[in-house]
């Protein structure tokens, strides 16, 4: 924690987890395929990360790229993935279900929250939240579903604009749900984002694009070091 702000690092590989563990951060979000926005990681990757790091790890459960309106078969797949990751000691599950009109899918959100809470872990609704037209109403719905935390960029085109929306929502609903701001945080804007959001939690990848017969994204030590240095001021 830096100046009372929790830092969560979005990781796509075991190497990303090890890299993040070297710094003053508080939590990891484990995915695979960060180039696609982050998909469900393997149980093996989670188990290795738990052995090689000392940080809480929340796992993404997202079976495909694109939107967040899923078929019944995909939802069943997500529930089973979540259960296996929880059995492998994931500290939380990151997920999102929307209806075709981009409102919260209450039925499946409640089912996922119930599953996660049966393991006494954290239920985190990801940036599918930002796709909702009425963020205030969506947030109230997620509170009623028992969600512990929302990852959001504020539903705006830029994180600078979005973080101000997060700040407004945080002031209105603090104490009822956690708000984790993320989506485009860099060393150059991290201090402003933290000040705007006021929610005391930041989510970032500190990513760089690498090449190995094709492009891929990974956590970059120097970018992360610069961002945390800026936050410390």
C-alpha atoms as a PDB file:
ATOM      1  CA  UNK A   1       0.000   0.000   0.000  1.00  0.00           C
ATOM      2  CA  UNK A   2       1.342   3.417  -0.979  1.00  0.00           C
ATOM      3  CA  UNK A   3      -0.057   6.483   0.800  1.00  0.00           C
ATOM      4  CA  UNK A   4      -3.101   4.426   1.766  1.00  0.00           C
ATOM      5  CA  UNK A   5      -3.724   3.244  -1.807  1.00  0.00           C
ATOM      6  CA  UNK A   6      -3.925  -0.473  -2.629  1.00  0.00           C
ATOM      7  CA  UNK A   7      -2.204  -1.466  -5.860  1.00  0.00           C
ATOM      8  CA  UNK A   8      -3.455  -4.399  -7.926  1.00  0.00           C
ATOM      9  CA  UNK A   9      -1.375  -5.629 -10.864  1.00  0.00           C
ATOM     10  CA  UNK A  10      -3.023  -7.367 -13.805  1.00  0.00           C
ATOM     11  CA  UNK A  11      -0.902 -10.383 -14.781  1.00  0.00           C
ATOM     12  CA  UNK A  12      -1.089 -12.703 -17.768  1.00  0.00           C
ATOM     13  CA  UNK A  13       1.678 -15.208 -17.028  1.00  0.00           C
ATOM     14  CA  UNK A  14       3.617 -16.667 -14.143  1.00  0.00           C
ATOM     15  CA  UNK A  15       6.503 -14.352 -15.079  1.00  0.00           C
ATOM     16  CA  UNK A  16       4.192 -11.352 -14.695  1.00  0.00           C
ATOM     17  CA  UNK A  17       3.245 -12.538 -11.211  1.00  0.00           C
ATOM     18  CA  UNK A  18       6.867 -12.936 -10.177  1.00  0.00           C
ATOM     19  CA  UNK A  19       7.676  -9.486 -11.560  1.00  0.00           C
ATOM     20  CA  UNK A  20       4.819  -7.812  -9.686  1.00  0.00           C
ATOM     21  CA  UNK A  21       5.770  -9.625  -6.479  1.00  0.00           C
ATOM     22  CA  UNK A  22       9.098  -7.769  -6.480  1.00  0.00           C
ATOM     23  CA  UNK A  23       7.336  -4.448  -5.900  1.00  0.00           C
ATOM     24  CA  UNK A  24       5.271  -2.737  -3.231  1.00  0.00           C
ATOM     25  CA  UNK A  25       1.899  -3.974  -4.481  1.00  0.00           C
ATOM     26  CA  UNK A  26      -1.032  -5.501  -2.641  1.00  0.00           C
ATOM     27  CA  UNK A  27      -2.852  -7.914  -4.940  1.00  0.00           C
ATOM     28  CA  UNK A  28      -2.659  -9.658  -8.306  1.00  0.00           C
ATOM     29  CA  UNK A  29      -5.368 -10.252 -10.874  1.00  0.00           C
ATOM     30  CA  UNK A  30      -4.420 -13.384 -12.797  1.00  0.00           C
ATOM     31  CA  UNK A  31      -5.495 -13.788 -16.426  1.00  0.00           C
ATOM     32  CA  UNK A  32      -4.212 -15.273 -19.627  1.00  0.00           C
ATOM     33  CA  UNK A  33      -4.150 -13.541 -23.033  1.00  0.00           C
ATOM     34  CA  UNK A  34      -3.892  -9.930 -21.924  1.00  0.00           C
ATOM     35  CA  UNK A  35      -3.856  -9.024 -25.632  1.00  0.00           C
ATOM     36  CA  UNK A  36      -7.531 -10.073 -25.686  1.00  0.00           C
ATOM     37  CA  UNK A  37      -8.420  -8.135 -22.567  1.00  0.00           C
ATOM     38  CA  UNK A  38      -7.712 -11.035 -20.223  1.00  0.00           C
ATOM     39  CA  UNK A  39      -9.233 -14.517 -20.254  1.00  0.00           C
ATOM     40  CA  UNK A  40      -9.516 -17.354 -17.719  1.00  0.00           C
ATOM     41  CA  UNK A  41      -6.080 -18.554 -16.557  1.00  0.00           C
ATOM     42  CA  UNK A  42      -5.209 -22.202 -16.037  1.00  0.00           C
ATOM     43  CA  UNK A  43      -5.391 -23.777 -12.600  1.00  0.00           C
ATOM     44  CA  UNK A  44      -1.748 -24.773 -13.031  1.00  0.00           C
ATOM     45  CA  UNK A  45      -0.719 -21.134 -13.471  1.00  0.00           C
ATOM     46  CA  UNK A  46      -2.623 -20.181 -10.320  1.00  0.00           C
ATOM     47  CA  UNK A  47      -1.005 -22.973  -8.297  1.00  0.00           C
ATOM     48  CA  UNK A  48       2.465 -21.957  -9.468  1.00  0.00           C
ATOM     49  CA  UNK A  49       1.762 -18.290  -8.732  1.00  0.00           C
ATOM     50  CA  UNK A  50       0.586 -19.140  -5.203  1.00  0.00           C
ATOM     51  CA  UNK A  51       3.846 -20.985  -4.593  1.00  0.00           C
ATOM     52  CA  UNK A  52       6.121 -18.350  -6.115  1.00  0.00           C
ATOM     53  CA  UNK A  53       4.491 -15.176  -4.761  1.00  0.00           C
ATOM     54  CA  UNK A  54       3.148 -14.041  -1.412  1.00  0.00           C
ATOM     55  CA  UNK A  55       0.306 -11.858  -2.674  1.00  0.00           C
ATOM     56  CA  UNK A  56      -3.457 -12.446  -2.761  1.00  0.00           C
ATOM     57  CA  UNK A  57      -4.516 -13.554  -6.253  1.00  0.00           C
ATOM     58  CA  UNK A  58      -7.918 -12.937  -7.795  1.00  0.00           C
ATOM     59  CA  UNK A  59      -8.574 -14.882 -10.994  1.00  0.00           C
ATOM     60  CA  UNK A  60     -10.391 -13.727 -14.093  1.00  0.00           C
ATOM     61  CA  UNK A  61     -13.184 -15.970 -15.336  1.00  0.00           C
ATOM     62  CA  UNK A  62     -13.884 -14.987 -18.935  1.00  0.00           C
ATOM     63  CA  UNK A  63     -14.198 -17.712 -21.589  1.00  0.00           C
ATOM     64  CA  UNK A  64     -13.819 -15.565 -24.704  1.00  0.00           C
ATOM     65  CA  UNK A  65     -13.064 -12.112 -25.999  1.00  0.00           C
ATOM     66  CA  UNK A  66     -15.671  -9.560 -27.220  1.00  0.00           C
ATOM     67  CA  UNK A  67     -18.687  -8.787 -25.028  1.00  0.00           C
ATOM     68  CA  UNK A  68     -20.218 -10.167 -21.855  1.00  0.00           C
ATOM     69  CA  UNK A  69     -23.518 -11.688 -22.984  1.00  0.00           C
ATOM     70  CA  UNK A  70     -22.976 -15.414 -22.661  1.00  0.00           C
ATOM     71  CA  UNK A  71     -24.808 -18.579 -23.701  1.00  0.00           C
ATOM     72  CA  UNK A  72     -26.011 -21.015 -21.060  1.00  0.00           C
ATOM     73  CA  UNK A  73     -23.201 -23.401 -22.003  1.00  0.00           C
ATOM     74  CA  UNK A  74     -20.606 -20.649 -21.624  1.00  0.00           C
ATOM     75  CA  UNK A  75     -22.066 -19.707 -18.246  1.00  0.00           C
ATOM     76  CA  UNK A  76     -21.892 -23.322 -17.085  1.00  0.00           C
ATOM     77  CA  UNK A  77     -18.261 -23.371 -18.240  1.00  0.00           C
ATOM     78  CA  UNK A  78     -17.558 -20.180 -16.257  1.00  0.00           C
ATOM     79  CA  UNK A  79     -19.129 -21.567 -13.097  1.00  0.00           C
ATOM     80  CA  UNK A  80     -17.033 -24.721 -13.326  1.00  0.00           C
ATOM     81  CA  UNK A  81     -13.860 -22.714 -14.010  1.00  0.00           C
ATOM     82  CA  UNK A  82     -14.595 -20.510 -11.007  1.00  0.00           C
ATOM     83  CA  UNK A  83     -15.134 -23.524  -8.753  1.00  0.00           C
ATOM     84  CA  UNK A  84     -11.863 -25.140  -9.842  1.00  0.00           C
ATOM     85  CA  UNK A  85      -9.926 -21.914  -9.317  1.00  0.00           C
ATOM     86  CA  UNK A  86     -11.491 -21.453  -5.877  1.00  0.00           C
ATOM     87  CA  UNK A  87     -10.584 -25.026  -4.971  1.00  0.00           C
ATOM     88  CA  UNK A  88      -7.021 -24.169  -6.040  1.00  0.00           C
ATOM     89  CA  UNK A  89      -7.025 -21.306  -3.486  1.00  0.00           C
ATOM     90  CA  UNK A  90      -7.867 -18.292  -5.638  1.00  0.00           C
ATOM     91  CA  UNK A  91      -8.488 -15.388  -3.262  1.00  0.00           C
ATOM     92  CA  UNK A  92     -11.268 -14.054  -5.438  1.00  0.00           C
ATOM     93  CA  UNK A  93     -12.991 -14.403  -8.799  1.00  0.00           C
ATOM     94  CA  UNK A  94     -13.295 -11.575 -11.325  1.00  0.00           C
ATOM     95  CA  UNK A  95     -16.292 -11.908 -13.645  1.00  0.00           C
ATOM     96  CA  UNK A  96     -19.105 -10.082 -15.397  1.00  0.00           C
ATOM     97  CA  UNK A  97     -22.514 -11.023 -16.808  1.00  0.00           C
ATOM     98  CA  UNK A  98     -24.649  -8.637 -18.885  1.00  0.00           C
ATOM     99  CA  UNK A  99     -28.028  -8.883 -20.557  1.00  0.00           C
ATOM    100  CA  UNK A 100     -28.403  -8.042 -24.245  1.00  0.00           C
ATOM    101  CA  UNK A 101     -29.539  -4.519 -23.326  1.00  0.00           C
ATOM    102  CA  UNK A 102     -26.289  -4.041 -21.360  1.00  0.00           C
ATOM    103  CA  UNK A 103     -27.903  -4.168 -17.946  1.00  0.00           C
ATOM    104  CA  UNK A 104     -26.583  -6.440 -15.195  1.00  0.00           C
ATOM    105  CA  UNK A 105     -27.590 -10.090 -15.554  1.00  0.00           C
ATOM    106  CA  UNK A 106     -28.850 -10.401 -11.992  1.00  0.00           C
ATOM    107  CA  UNK A 107     -29.626 -14.126 -12.032  1.00  0.00           C
ATOM    108  CA  UNK A 108     -26.164 -15.288 -13.034  1.00  0.00           C
ATOM    109  CA  UNK A 109     -24.355 -12.597 -11.067  1.00  0.00           C
ATOM    110  CA  UNK A 110     -26.084 -13.789  -7.893  1.00  0.00           C
ATOM    111  CA  UNK A 111     -25.226 -17.408  -8.653  1.00  0.00           C
ATOM    112  CA  UNK A 112     -21.566 -16.555  -9.148  1.00  0.00           C
ATOM    113  CA  UNK A 113     -21.456 -14.459  -5.976  1.00  0.00           C
ATOM    114  CA  UNK A 114     -23.053 -17.277  -4.006  1.00  0.00           C
ATOM    115  CA  UNK A 115     -20.454 -19.724  -5.296  1.00  0.00           C
ATOM    116  CA  UNK A 116     -17.554 -17.413  -4.462  1.00  0.00           C
ATOM    117  CA  UNK A 117     -18.875 -16.547  -1.014  1.00  0.00           C
ATOM    118  CA  UNK A 118     -19.391 -20.230  -0.227  1.00  0.00           C
ATOM    119  CA  UNK A 119     -15.585 -20.408  -0.327  1.00  0.00           C
ATOM    120  CA  UNK A 120     -15.347 -17.170   1.730  1.00  0.00           C
ATOM    121  CA  UNK A 121     -13.538 -15.389  -1.117  1.00  0.00           C
ATOM    122  CA  UNK A 122     -14.049 -12.058  -2.891  1.00  0.00           C
ATOM    123  CA  UNK A 123     -16.555 -11.529  -5.710  1.00  0.00           C
ATOM    124  CA  UNK A 124     -15.277  -8.905  -8.159  1.00  0.00           C
ATOM    125  CA  UNK A 125     -17.359  -7.598 -11.070  1.00  0.00           C
ATOM    126  CA  UNK A 126     -15.033  -6.478 -13.857  1.00  0.00           C
ATOM    127  CA  UNK A 127     -15.237  -3.738 -16.499  1.00  0.00           C
ATOM    128  CA  UNK A 128     -18.359  -5.200 -18.048  1.00  0.00           C
ATOM    129  CA  UNK A 129     -19.772  -2.670 -15.581  1.00  0.00           C
ATOM    130  CA  UNK A 130     -18.515   0.130 -17.844  1.00  0.00           C
ATOM    131  CA  UNK A 131     -20.739  -1.133 -20.676  1.00  0.00           C
ATOM    132  CA  UNK A 132     -23.887  -0.311 -18.684  1.00  0.00           C
ATOM    133  CA  UNK A 133     -25.694   2.852 -19.759  1.00  0.00           C
ATOM    134  CA  UNK A 134     -26.708   3.792 -16.205  1.00  0.00           C
ATOM    135  CA  UNK A 135     -23.670   3.204 -13.963  1.00  0.00           C
ATOM    136  CA  UNK A 136     -25.458   4.386 -10.841  1.00  0.00           C
ATOM    137  CA  UNK A 137     -28.283   1.886 -11.306  1.00  0.00           C
ATOM    138  CA  UNK A 138     -25.813  -0.880 -12.242  1.00  0.00           C
ATOM    139  CA  UNK A 139     -23.807  -0.209  -9.091  1.00  0.00           C
ATOM    140  CA  UNK A 140     -26.922  -0.409  -6.935  1.00  0.00           C
ATOM    141  CA  UNK A 141     -27.769  -3.713  -8.610  1.00  0.00           C
ATOM    142  CA  UNK A 142     -24.315  -5.136  -7.900  1.00  0.00           C
ATOM    143  CA  UNK A 143     -24.582  -4.092  -4.254  1.00  0.00           C
ATOM    144  CA  UNK A 144     -27.906  -5.930  -4.037  1.00  0.00           C
ATOM    145  CA  UNK A 145     -26.258  -9.008  -5.602  1.00  0.00           C
ATOM    146  CA  UNK A 146     -23.591  -9.034  -2.877  1.00  0.00           C
ATOM    147  CA  UNK A 147     -20.600  -8.134  -5.078  1.00  0.00           C
ATOM    148  CA  UNK A 148     -17.586  -7.085  -2.999  1.00  0.00           C
ATOM    149  CA  UNK A 149     -15.728  -4.942  -5.520  1.00  0.00           C
ATOM    150  CA  UNK A 150     -16.134  -3.404  -8.979  1.00  0.00           C
ATOM    151  CA  UNK A 151     -13.259  -2.853 -11.418  1.00  0.00           C
ATOM    152  CA  UNK A 152     -14.104   0.177 -13.541  1.00  0.00           C
ATOM    153  CA  UNK A 153     -12.669   2.850 -15.764  1.00  0.00           C
ATOM    154  CA  UNK A 154     -15.731   4.990 -15.163  1.00  0.00           C
ATOM    155  CA  UNK A 155     -17.398   4.175 -18.478  1.00  0.00           C
ATOM    156  CA  UNK A 156     -15.694   7.025 -20.337  1.00  0.00           C
ATOM    157  CA  UNK A 157     -13.366   7.149 -23.335  1.00  0.00           C
ATOM    158  CA  UNK A 158     -10.365   8.082 -21.186  1.00  0.00           C
ATOM    159  CA  UNK A 159      -9.323   7.024 -17.707  1.00  0.00           C
ATOM    160  CA  UNK A 160      -8.864  10.697 -16.837  1.00  0.00           C
ATOM    161  CA  UNK A 161     -12.584  11.357 -17.392  1.00  0.00           C
ATOM    162  CA  UNK A 162     -13.634   7.990 -16.013  1.00  0.00           C
ATOM    163  CA  UNK A 163     -11.716   8.347 -12.765  1.00  0.00           C
ATOM    164  CA  UNK A 164     -13.763  11.460 -11.954  1.00  0.00           C
ATOM    165  CA  UNK A 165     -16.942   9.412 -12.384  1.00  0.00           C
ATOM    166  CA  UNK A 166     -15.472   6.771 -10.055  1.00  0.00           C
ATOM    167  CA  UNK A 167     -14.810   9.513  -7.529  1.00  0.00           C
ATOM    168  CA  UNK A 168     -18.451  10.583  -7.632  1.00  0.00           C
ATOM    169  CA  UNK A 169     -19.697   7.003  -7.258  1.00  0.00           C
ATOM    170  CA  UNK A 170     -17.249   6.333  -4.437  1.00  0.00           C
ATOM    171  CA  UNK A 171     -18.459   9.329  -2.448  1.00  0.00           C
ATOM    172  CA  UNK A 172     -22.053   8.175  -2.898  1.00  0.00           C
ATOM    173  CA  UNK A 173     -21.573   4.479  -2.123  1.00  0.00           C
ATOM    174  CA  UNK A 174     -18.426   4.193   0.030  1.00  0.00           C
ATOM    175  CA  UNK A 175     -18.806   1.591   2.731  1.00  0.00           C
ATOM    176  CA  UNK A 176     -21.279  -0.406   0.640  1.00  0.00           C
ATOM    177  CA  UNK A 177     -18.928  -1.708  -2.068  1.00  0.00           C
ATOM    178  CA  UNK A 178     -15.269  -1.316  -3.067  1.00  0.00           C
ATOM    179  CA  UNK A 179     -14.349   0.537  -6.261  1.00  0.00           C
ATOM    180  CA  UNK A 180     -11.120  -0.362  -8.033  1.00  0.00           C
ATOM    181  CA  UNK A 181     -10.169   2.064 -10.799  1.00  0.00           C
ATOM    182  CA  UNK A 182      -8.296   0.772 -13.842  1.00  0.00           C
ATOM    183  CA  UNK A 183      -7.918   0.954 -17.587  1.00  0.00           C
ATOM    184  CA  UNK A 184      -5.034   2.968 -18.982  1.00  0.00           C
ATOM    185  CA  UNK A 185      -3.133   3.921 -15.836  1.00  0.00           C
ATOM    186  CA  UNK A 186       0.459   4.911 -16.679  1.00  0.00           C
ATOM    187  CA  UNK A 187       3.397   6.525 -14.867  1.00  0.00           C
ATOM    188  CA  UNK A 188       2.329   9.885 -16.310  1.00  0.00           C
ATOM    189  CA  UNK A 189      -1.256   9.839 -15.037  1.00  0.00           C
ATOM    190  CA  UNK A 190      -1.258   7.593 -11.954  1.00  0.00           C
ATOM    191  CA  UNK A 191      -1.203  10.418  -9.404  1.00  0.00           C
ATOM    192  CA  UNK A 192      -4.063  12.271 -11.068  1.00  0.00           C
ATOM    193  CA  UNK A 193      -6.126   9.085 -11.407  1.00  0.00           C
ATOM    194  CA  UNK A 194      -5.666   8.264  -7.721  1.00  0.00           C
ATOM    195  CA  UNK A 195      -6.658  11.810  -6.742  1.00  0.00           C
ATOM    196  CA  UNK A 196      -9.712  11.806  -9.011  1.00  0.00           C
ATOM    197  CA  UNK A 197     -11.018   8.367  -8.043  1.00  0.00           C
ATOM    198  CA  UNK A 198     -10.489   8.771  -4.273  1.00  0.00           C
ATOM    199  CA  UNK A 199     -11.410   5.114  -3.830  1.00  0.00           C
ATOM    200  CA  UNK A 200      -8.023   4.032  -2.494  1.00  0.00           C
ATOM    201  CA  UNK A 201      -7.498   1.247  -5.045  1.00  0.00           C
ATOM    202  CA  UNK A 202      -5.689   1.216  -8.396  1.00  0.00           C
ATOM    203  CA  UNK A 203      -5.515  -1.554 -11.015  1.00  0.00           C
ATOM    204  CA  UNK A 204      -2.803  -1.527 -13.670  1.00  0.00           C
ATOM    205  CA  UNK A 205      -0.835  -3.785 -15.968  1.00  0.00           C
ATOM    206  CA  UNK A 206       2.289  -1.642 -16.415  1.00  0.00           C
ATOM    207  CA  UNK A 207       2.373  -3.433 -19.737  1.00  0.00           C
ATOM    208  CA  UNK A 208       4.667  -3.339 -22.704  1.00  0.00           C
ATOM    209  CA  UNK A 209       4.317  -5.119 -26.035  1.00  0.00           C
ATOM    210  CA  UNK A 210       6.908  -7.782 -26.791  1.00  0.00           C
ATOM    211  CA  UNK A 211       7.560  -9.823 -29.907  1.00  0.00           C
ATOM    212  CA  UNK A 212       8.087 -13.563 -30.382  1.00  0.00           C
ATOM    213  CA  UNK A 213       6.928 -14.429 -33.905  1.00  0.00           C
ATOM    214  CA  UNK A 214       3.960 -12.223 -33.062  1.00  0.00           C
ATOM    215  CA  UNK A 215       3.077  -9.595 -30.476  1.00  0.00           C
ATOM    216  CA  UNK A 216       2.176 -10.268 -26.860  1.00  0.00           C
ATOM    217  CA  UNK A 217       1.696  -8.125 -23.766  1.00  0.00           C
ATOM    218  CA  UNK A 218       3.491  -8.524 -20.446  1.00  0.00           C
ATOM    219  CA  UNK A 219       4.132  -6.617 -17.236  1.00  0.00           C
ATOM    220  CA  UNK A 220       7.225  -4.443 -17.600  1.00  0.00           C
ATOM    221  CA  UNK A 221       9.443  -3.911 -14.554  1.00  0.00           C
ATOM    222  CA  UNK A 222      10.611  -0.445 -15.571  1.00  0.00           C
ATOM    223  CA  UNK A 223       7.091   0.813 -16.304  1.00  0.00           C
ATOM    224  CA  UNK A 224       5.848  -0.536 -12.977  1.00  0.00           C
ATOM    225  CA  UNK A 225       8.806   0.955 -11.120  1.00  0.00           C
ATOM    226  CA  UNK A 226       8.178   4.382 -12.694  1.00  0.00           C
ATOM    227  CA  UNK A 227       4.452   4.275 -11.904  1.00  0.00           C
ATOM    228  CA  UNK A 228       4.961   3.391  -8.247  1.00  0.00           C
ATOM    229  CA  UNK A 229       7.690   6.009  -7.931  1.00  0.00           C
ATOM    230  CA  UNK A 230       5.286   8.640  -9.255  1.00  0.00           C
ATOM    231  CA  UNK A 231       2.597   7.555  -6.811  1.00  0.00           C
ATOM    232  CA  UNK A 232       4.999   7.799  -3.895  1.00  0.00           C
ATOM    233  CA  UNK A 233       5.704  11.377  -5.040  1.00  0.00           C
END
